[in-house]
Amino acid sequence: MAGSETAHGGVPVDHSHQVPRLRRIEGQVRGVQQMIESGRYCVDVAHQIDAVIAALRRVQSDMIRDHMYSIVSTSLTGDLPEAERQRLADEIGSLIARVV
């Protein structure tokens, strides 16, 4: 598993499948830079920037979804103390607030 459970608040999550998507996004950002350097039409550049932002939001959304799934799975399958369940519930609320 990539990343430690400690880095994810004690919840096992592997986001390594996002790396290829992030590499594509990196290429898109380089493309935007080249468009700007070559003096491309601002509206075209703006459309490319929108595409980059949308791609990053999809990565963010998928990562949060996977993390929330792990939180729920850990909570349901584990014999967690009430304080830990409350911490996980608070974390879910925080993640939802961030996306909404």
N, C-alpha and C. Protein backbone atom coordinates (compact mmCIF):
# COMPACT_ATOMS: atom_id res chain seq x y z
N MET A 1 0.84 -1.18 0.00
CA MET A 1 0.00 0.00 0.00
C MET A 1 0.88 1.24 0.00
N ALA A 2 0.55 2.19 -0.86
CA ALA A 2 1.30 3.45 -0.90
C ALA A 2 0.79 4.37 0.19
N GLY A 3 1.69 4.95 0.94
CA GLY A 3 1.28 5.85 2.03
C GLY A 3 0.99 5.05 3.28
N SER A 4 1.20 5.66 4.41
CA SER A 4 0.95 4.96 5.66
C SER A 4 -0.43 5.30 6.19
N GLU A 5 -0.94 4.42 7.05
CA GLU A 5 -2.23 4.69 7.67
C GLU A 5 -2.16 5.94 8.53
N THR A 6 -1.01 6.19 9.12
CA THR A 6 -0.85 7.38 9.95
C THR A 6 -1.07 8.64 9.12
N ALA A 7 -0.57 8.63 7.89
CA ALA A 7 -0.72 9.79 7.02
C ALA A 7 -2.18 10.02 6.62
N HIS A 8 -3.01 9.00 6.78
CA HIS A 8 -4.42 9.11 6.43
C HIS A 8 -5.32 9.05 7.66
N GLY A 9 -4.83 9.49 8.78
CA GLY A 9 -5.64 9.52 9.99
C GLY A 9 -5.99 8.15 10.51
N GLY A 10 -5.13 7.17 10.27
CA GLY A 10 -5.39 5.82 10.75
C GLY A 10 -6.29 5.01 9.84
N VAL A 11 -6.66 5.55 8.69
CA VAL A 11 -7.55 4.87 7.75
C VAL A 11 -6.72 4.42 6.55
N PRO A 12 -6.75 3.11 6.22
CA PRO A 12 -5.95 2.63 5.09
C PRO A 12 -6.53 3.08 3.75
N VAL A 13 -5.78 3.87 3.00
CA VAL A 13 -6.22 4.36 1.69
C VAL A 13 -5.01 4.35 0.75
N ASP A 14 -5.23 3.87 -0.47
CA ASP A 14 -4.17 3.86 -1.48
C ASP A 14 -4.63 4.70 -2.66
N HIS A 15 -3.96 5.81 -2.89
CA HIS A 15 -4.33 6.71 -3.99
C HIS A 15 -3.36 6.61 -5.16
N SER A 16 -2.54 5.58 -5.19
CA SER A 16 -1.51 5.49 -6.23
C SER A 16 -2.11 5.41 -7.63
N HIS A 17 -3.36 4.95 -7.75
CA HIS A 17 -3.99 4.89 -9.07
C HIS A 17 -4.28 6.28 -9.65
N GLN A 18 -4.14 7.31 -8.84
CA GLN A 18 -4.35 8.68 -9.31
C GLN A 18 -3.12 9.25 -10.02
N VAL A 19 -1.98 8.63 -9.84
CA VAL A 19 -0.73 9.17 -10.40
C VAL A 19 -0.79 9.32 -11.92
N PRO A 20 -1.26 8.32 -12.67
CA PRO A 20 -1.34 8.53 -14.13
C PRO A 20 -2.24 9.70 -14.51
N ARG A 21 -3.34 9.88 -13.81
CA ARG A 21 -4.22 11.02 -14.07
C ARG A 21 -3.49 12.33 -13.79
N LEU A 22 -2.75 12.36 -12.70
CA LEU A 22 -2.02 13.58 -12.36
C LEU A 22 -0.92 13.87 -13.38
N ARG A 23 -0.34 12.84 -13.94
CA ARG A 23 0.67 13.05 -14.98
C ARG A 23 0.03 13.65 -16.24
N ARG A 24 -1.17 13.18 -16.57
CA ARG A 24 -1.88 13.78 -17.72
C ARG A 24 -2.20 15.24 -17.44
N ILE A 25 -2.63 15.53 -16.22
CA ILE A 25 -2.92 16.91 -15.84
C ILE A 25 -1.66 17.76 -15.93
N GLU A 26 -0.55 17.19 -15.48
CA GLU A 26 0.73 17.90 -15.58
C GLU A 26 1.03 18.27 -17.03
N GLY A 27 0.75 17.34 -17.94
CA GLY A 27 0.93 17.63 -19.36
C GLY A 27 0.01 18.73 -19.85
N GLN A 28 -1.23 18.72 -19.34
CA GLN A 28 -2.17 19.78 -19.70
C GLN A 28 -1.66 21.14 -19.23
N VAL A 29 -1.11 21.19 -18.02
CA VAL A 29 -0.59 22.45 -17.48
C VAL A 29 0.59 22.93 -18.33
N ARG A 30 1.44 22.01 -18.73
CA ARG A 30 2.55 22.39 -19.62
C ARG A 30 2.01 22.95 -20.94
N GLY A 31 0.94 22.33 -21.43
CA GLY A 31 0.31 22.83 -22.65
C GLY A 31 -0.22 24.24 -22.49
N VAL A 32 -0.82 24.53 -21.34
CA VAL A 32 -1.30 25.89 -21.06
C VAL A 32 -0.12 26.86 -21.06
N GLN A 33 0.96 26.46 -20.42
CA GLN A 33 2.15 27.31 -20.38
C GLN A 33 2.65 27.60 -21.80
N GLN A 34 2.70 26.58 -22.63
CA GLN A 34 3.15 26.77 -24.01
C GLN A 34 2.19 27.67 -24.79
N MET A 35 0.89 27.53 -24.54
CA MET A 35 -0.09 28.38 -25.20
C MET A 35 0.16 29.85 -24.85
N ILE A 36 0.43 30.09 -23.57
CA ILE A 36 0.68 31.47 -23.12
C ILE A 36 1.98 31.99 -23.74
N GLU A 37 3.03 31.16 -23.70
CA GLU A 37 4.32 31.58 -24.26
C GLU A 37 4.24 31.87 -25.75
N SER A 38 3.36 31.17 -26.45
CA SER A 38 3.26 31.39 -27.90
C SER A 38 2.20 32.44 -28.26
N GLY A 39 1.59 33.05 -27.23
CA GLY A 39 0.65 34.13 -27.47
C GLY A 39 -0.70 33.70 -28.01
N ARG A 40 -1.14 32.51 -27.64
CA ARG A 40 -2.43 32.01 -28.12
C ARG A 40 -3.57 32.87 -27.60
N TYR A 41 -4.69 32.80 -28.28
CA TYR A 41 -5.90 33.54 -27.96
C TYR A 41 -6.33 33.26 -26.52
N CYS A 42 -6.60 34.31 -25.77
CA CYS A 42 -6.90 34.20 -24.34
C CYS A 42 -8.07 33.26 -24.05
N VAL A 43 -9.09 33.30 -24.87
CA VAL A 43 -10.26 32.45 -24.64
C VAL A 43 -9.88 30.98 -24.77
N ASP A 44 -9.02 30.66 -25.74
CA ASP A 44 -8.56 29.28 -25.89
C ASP A 44 -7.76 28.83 -24.66
N VAL A 45 -6.92 29.72 -24.17
CA VAL A 45 -6.14 29.41 -22.96
C VAL A 45 -7.08 29.21 -21.78
N ALA A 46 -8.07 30.07 -21.66
CA ALA A 46 -9.04 29.96 -20.56
C ALA A 46 -9.78 28.63 -20.61
N HIS A 47 -10.13 28.16 -21.80
CA HIS A 47 -10.80 26.86 -21.93
C HIS A 47 -9.89 25.73 -21.46
N GLN A 48 -8.62 25.80 -21.80
CA GLN A 48 -7.68 24.79 -21.35
C GLN A 48 -7.51 24.82 -19.84
N ILE A 49 -7.48 26.02 -19.27
CA ILE A 49 -7.38 26.14 -17.81
C ILE A 49 -8.60 25.53 -17.15
N ASP A 50 -9.78 25.77 -17.72
CA ASP A 50 -11.01 25.14 -17.19
C ASP A 50 -10.90 23.62 -17.21
N ALA A 51 -10.33 23.08 -18.28
CA ALA A 51 -10.17 21.63 -18.39
C ALA A 51 -9.23 21.09 -17.31
N VAL A 52 -8.15 21.82 -17.04
CA VAL A 52 -7.20 21.42 -15.99
C VAL A 52 -7.89 21.44 -14.63
N ILE A 53 -8.62 22.50 -14.35
CA ILE A 53 -9.32 22.62 -13.07
C ILE A 53 -10.33 21.49 -12.91
N ALA A 54 -11.09 21.19 -13.96
CA ALA A 54 -12.08 20.11 -13.90
C ALA A 54 -11.40 18.77 -13.64
N ALA A 55 -10.27 18.53 -14.29
CA ALA A 55 -9.55 17.27 -14.09
C ALA A 55 -9.04 17.15 -12.65
N LEU A 56 -8.52 18.24 -12.10
CA LEU A 56 -8.06 18.23 -10.71
C LEU A 56 -9.22 18.00 -9.75
N ARG A 57 -10.36 18.60 -10.04
CA ARG A 57 -11.53 18.39 -9.18
C ARG A 57 -11.98 16.93 -9.21
N ARG A 58 -11.87 16.27 -10.36
CA ARG A 58 -12.23 14.85 -10.43
C ARG A 58 -11.27 14.02 -9.58
N VAL A 59 -9.99 14.33 -9.64
CA VAL A 59 -9.02 13.62 -8.80
C VAL A 59 -9.37 13.85 -7.33
N GLN A 60 -9.62 15.10 -6.96
CA GLN A 60 -9.97 15.42 -5.58
C GLN A 60 -11.22 14.67 -5.15
N SER A 61 -12.23 14.68 -5.97
CA SER A 61 -13.49 14.02 -5.65
C SER A 61 -13.28 12.51 -5.47
N ASP A 62 -12.53 11.89 -6.37
CA ASP A 62 -12.28 10.46 -6.26
C ASP A 62 -11.48 10.12 -5.01
N MET A 63 -10.49 10.95 -4.68
CA MET A 63 -9.69 10.70 -3.49
C MET A 63 -10.55 10.83 -2.23
N ILE A 64 -11.39 11.83 -2.18
CA ILE A 64 -12.25 12.01 -1.01
C ILE A 64 -13.25 10.87 -0.92
N ARG A 65 -13.82 10.45 -2.07
CA ARG A 65 -14.75 9.33 -2.07
C ARG A 65 -14.07 8.07 -1.53
N ASP A 66 -12.86 7.77 -2.02
CA ASP A 66 -12.14 6.59 -1.55
C ASP A 66 -11.84 6.68 -0.06
N HIS A 67 -11.46 7.87 0.39
CA HIS A 67 -11.15 8.06 1.81
C HIS A 67 -12.40 7.86 2.66
N MET A 68 -13.52 8.43 2.21
CA MET A 68 -14.77 8.26 2.97
C MET A 68 -15.20 6.80 3.00
N TYR A 69 -15.03 6.09 1.88
CA TYR A 69 -15.36 4.67 1.85
C TYR A 69 -14.52 3.92 2.88
N SER A 70 -13.23 4.24 2.95
CA SER A 70 -12.36 3.58 3.93
C SER A 70 -12.77 3.91 5.36
N ILE A 71 -13.17 5.16 5.58
CA ILE A 71 -13.62 5.55 6.92
C ILE A 71 -14.84 4.74 7.32
N VAL A 72 -15.80 4.65 6.43
CA VAL A 72 -17.03 3.91 6.73
C VAL A 72 -16.72 2.43 6.93
N SER A 73 -15.90 1.86 6.05
CA SER A 73 -15.55 0.44 6.18
C SER A 73 -14.85 0.17 7.50
N THR A 74 -13.90 1.02 7.85
CA THR A 74 -13.17 0.86 9.10
C THR A 74 -14.12 0.96 10.29
N SER A 75 -15.02 1.91 10.22
CA SER A 75 -15.96 2.13 11.31
C SER A 75 -16.92 0.95 11.48
N LEU A 76 -17.39 0.40 10.36
CA LEU A 76 -18.37 -0.68 10.42
C LEU A 76 -17.75 -2.02 10.78
N THR A 77 -16.54 -2.28 10.29
CA THR A 77 -15.93 -3.59 10.53
C THR A 77 -15.12 -3.64 11.81
N GLY A 78 -14.68 -2.51 12.28
CA GLY A 78 -13.85 -2.50 13.48
C GLY A 78 -14.67 -2.30 14.74
N ASP A 79 -14.10 -2.72 15.82
CA ASP A 79 -14.73 -2.51 17.12
C ASP A 79 -14.12 -1.24 17.71
N LEU A 80 -14.53 -0.10 17.15
CA LEU A 80 -13.91 1.17 17.52
C LEU A 80 -14.57 1.78 18.75
N PRO A 81 -13.78 2.43 19.57
CA PRO A 81 -14.34 3.16 20.70
C PRO A 81 -15.20 4.33 20.19
N GLU A 82 -16.12 4.77 20.99
CA GLU A 82 -17.04 5.85 20.59
C GLU A 82 -16.28 7.11 20.18
N ALA A 83 -15.23 7.45 20.89
CA ALA A 83 -14.46 8.66 20.56
C ALA A 83 -13.87 8.56 19.15
N GLU A 84 -13.40 7.37 18.77
CA GLU A 84 -12.84 7.18 17.43
C GLU A 84 -13.95 7.25 16.37
N ARG A 85 -15.11 6.67 16.65
CA ARG A 85 -16.24 6.78 15.72
C ARG A 85 -16.63 8.24 15.52
N GLN A 86 -16.64 9.00 16.60
CA GLN A 86 -16.99 10.42 16.50
C GLN A 86 -15.95 11.18 15.68
N ARG A 87 -14.68 10.85 15.88
CA ARG A 87 -13.62 11.50 15.10
C ARG A 87 -13.79 11.21 13.61
N LEU A 88 -14.10 9.96 13.28
CA LEU A 88 -14.31 9.59 11.88
C LEU A 88 -15.54 10.29 11.31
N ALA A 89 -16.61 10.38 12.09
CA ALA A 89 -17.82 11.08 11.64
C ALA A 89 -17.51 12.56 11.41
N ASP A 90 -16.75 13.16 12.30
CA ASP A 90 -16.36 14.57 12.12
C ASP A 90 -15.52 14.74 10.85
N GLU A 91 -14.64 13.78 10.60
CA GLU A 91 -13.81 13.86 9.40
C GLU A 91 -14.66 13.77 8.14
N ILE A 92 -15.66 12.89 8.13
CA ILE A 92 -16.57 12.79 6.98
C ILE A 92 -17.28 14.12 6.77
N GLY A 93 -17.76 14.72 7.86
CA GLY A 93 -18.43 16.02 7.75
C GLY A 93 -17.51 17.08 7.18
N SER A 94 -16.27 17.07 7.60
CA SER A 94 -15.29 18.03 7.11
C SER A 94 -15.01 17.83 5.62
N LEU A 95 -14.90 16.57 5.20
CA LEU A 95 -14.66 16.27 3.79
C LEU A 95 -15.83 16.70 2.92
N ILE A 96 -17.03 16.45 3.39
CA ILE A 96 -18.22 16.86 2.63
C ILE A 96 -18.27 18.37 2.52
N ALA A 97 -17.99 19.07 3.60
CA ALA A 97 -18.02 20.54 3.58
C ALA A 97 -16.98 21.09 2.60
N ARG A 98 -15.86 20.42 2.48
CA ARG A 98 -14.80 20.89 1.58
C ARG A 98 -15.24 20.79 0.12
N VAL A 99 -15.96 19.75 -0.23
CA VAL A 99 -16.36 19.51 -1.61
C VAL A 99 -17.59 20.31 -2.00
N VAL A 100 -18.47 20.51 -1.06
CA VAL A 100 -19.73 21.20 -1.37
C VAL A 100 -19.56 22.68 -1.49
